[in-house]
Protein backbone atom coordinates (compact mmCIF):
# COMPACT_ATOMS: atom_id res chain seq x y z
CA MET A 1 -13.48 0.65 -42.04
CA GLY A 2 -9.81 -0.12 -42.08
CA HIS A 3 -7.08 0.63 -39.62
CA ASP A 4 -5.58 3.37 -41.79
CA GLY A 5 -4.66 6.45 -39.82
CA ASP A 6 -4.99 4.90 -36.37
CA GLY A 7 -1.38 5.86 -35.61
CA VAL A 8 -0.14 2.44 -34.56
CA ALA A 9 1.83 0.19 -36.84
CA GLY A 10 0.64 -3.39 -36.67
CA PRO A 11 1.97 -6.65 -38.06
CA GLY A 12 2.66 -6.46 -41.75
CA SER A 13 2.82 -2.66 -41.71
CA HIS A 14 4.77 -0.94 -44.43
CA ALA A 15 7.73 1.41 -44.11
CA GLY A 16 5.49 4.47 -44.49
CA ALA A 17 3.42 3.64 -41.39
CA VAL A 18 3.18 6.14 -38.56
CA GLU A 19 5.49 5.40 -35.62
CA PRO A 20 3.96 4.74 -32.19
CA PRO A 21 3.99 7.73 -29.81
CA ALA A 22 7.04 8.38 -27.61
CA GLY A 23 6.92 6.28 -24.46
CA PHE A 24 4.82 3.59 -26.16
CA VAL A 25 5.83 0.12 -25.02
CA GLY A 26 4.72 -2.77 -27.19
CA CYS A 27 3.83 -6.31 -26.18
CA ASP A 28 7.24 -7.74 -27.10
CA GLU A 29 9.09 -5.30 -24.86
CA THR A 30 6.56 -5.69 -22.05
CA ILE A 31 6.92 -9.47 -22.01
CA GLU A 32 10.70 -9.23 -22.41
CA ARG A 33 10.93 -6.93 -19.37
CA LEU A 34 8.26 -8.66 -17.28
CA TYR A 35 10.71 -10.36 -14.89
CA VAL A 36 12.65 -7.14 -14.38
CA TYR A 37 9.35 -5.31 -13.80
CA LEU A 38 8.28 -7.89 -11.20
CA ASP A 39 11.69 -7.58 -9.52
CA GLY A 40 11.27 -3.79 -9.32
CA GLU A 41 14.54 -3.24 -11.19
CA LEU A 42 13.34 -0.77 -13.84
CA THR A 43 13.74 2.97 -13.90
CA GLU A 44 10.69 4.85 -12.69
CA GLN A 45 9.89 6.03 -16.24
CA ARG A 46 10.14 2.51 -17.73
CA ARG A 47 8.06 1.08 -14.85
CA ILE A 48 5.32 3.63 -15.59
CA GLU A 49 5.40 2.78 -19.31
CA ILE A 50 5.14 -0.96 -18.64
CA ALA A 51 2.34 -0.41 -16.10
CA ARG A 52 0.46 1.73 -18.65
CA HIS A 53 0.76 -1.07 -21.23
CA LEU A 54 -0.43 -3.67 -18.70
CA ASP A 55 -3.48 -1.48 -17.94
CA LEU A 56 -4.47 -1.58 -21.61
CA CYS A 57 -3.44 -5.04 -22.83
CA GLY A 58 -5.36 -8.12 -21.72
CA PRO A 59 -2.90 -10.75 -23.00
CA CYS A 60 0.08 -9.04 -21.36
CA VAL A 61 -1.72 -8.49 -18.06
CA GLY A 62 -2.64 -12.19 -18.17
CA ALA A 63 1.04 -13.12 -18.55
CA TYR A 64 1.89 -10.71 -15.73
CA GLY A 65 -0.73 -12.27 -13.45
CA PHE A 66 0.50 -15.78 -14.22
CA GLU A 67 4.14 -14.88 -13.49
CA GLN A 68 3.17 -13.04 -10.32
CA GLU A 69 1.20 -16.04 -9.02
CA LEU A 70 3.99 -18.43 -10.00
CA ARG A 71 6.49 -16.35 -8.01
CA LYS A 72 4.18 -16.39 -4.97
CA LEU A 73 3.81 -20.16 -5.20
CA VAL A 74 7.57 -20.71 -5.50
CA ALA A 75 8.26 -18.30 -2.61
CA ASN A 76 5.73 -20.09 -0.39
CA ARG A 77 7.17 -23.50 -1.23
CA CYS A 78 10.71 -22.32 -0.54
CA GLN A 79 9.68 -21.35 2.99
CA ASP A 80 8.70 -24.88 3.95
CA ARG A 81 10.55 -26.03 7.03
CA VAL A 82 12.60 -29.16 7.21
CA PRO A 83 11.09 -31.57 9.79
CA ASP A 84 12.98 -31.55 13.09
CA ALA A 85 13.51 -35.31 12.94
CA LEU A 86 15.24 -35.03 9.56
CA ARG A 87 17.34 -32.11 10.75
CA GLU A 88 18.49 -34.15 13.78
CA ARG A 89 19.34 -37.18 11.60
CA VAL A 90 21.44 -35.06 9.26
CA ALA A 91 23.22 -33.35 12.18
CA ARG A 92 23.93 -36.76 13.78
CA ALA A 93 25.21 -38.17 10.47
CA LEU A 94 27.50 -35.15 10.03
CA ARG A 95 28.86 -35.53 13.59
CA GLU A 96 29.47 -39.23 13.02
CA GLU A 97 31.14 -38.55 9.68
CA SER A 98 33.43 -35.88 11.09
CA GLY A 99 34.26 -38.12 14.09
CA ALA A 100 35.04 -41.07 11.81
CA THR A 101 37.48 -39.06 9.68
CA ALA A 102 39.22 -37.52 12.74
CA ASP A 103 40.79 -40.90 13.74
């Protein structure tokens, strides 16, 4: 059996192919809007459409999971504290520098 009549135009489809249903979000748009989706900056309707696509598409949900984990890793690394000894050395160097230029 072929894919004729399944209602979704795939790669290499011809001009006479049936258009996807209203509200359908393809892989290209999902990936393109992934960062905005993760940032929570989409309209409610677009967020629902992207979420629906992610529920049905393994490759896109894999990309989503990777980006989500990457963001968590970066956020955790950015919260690392500067050691107190280094902070004190920098503060001392800044005081010495500002005192040396005040003469």
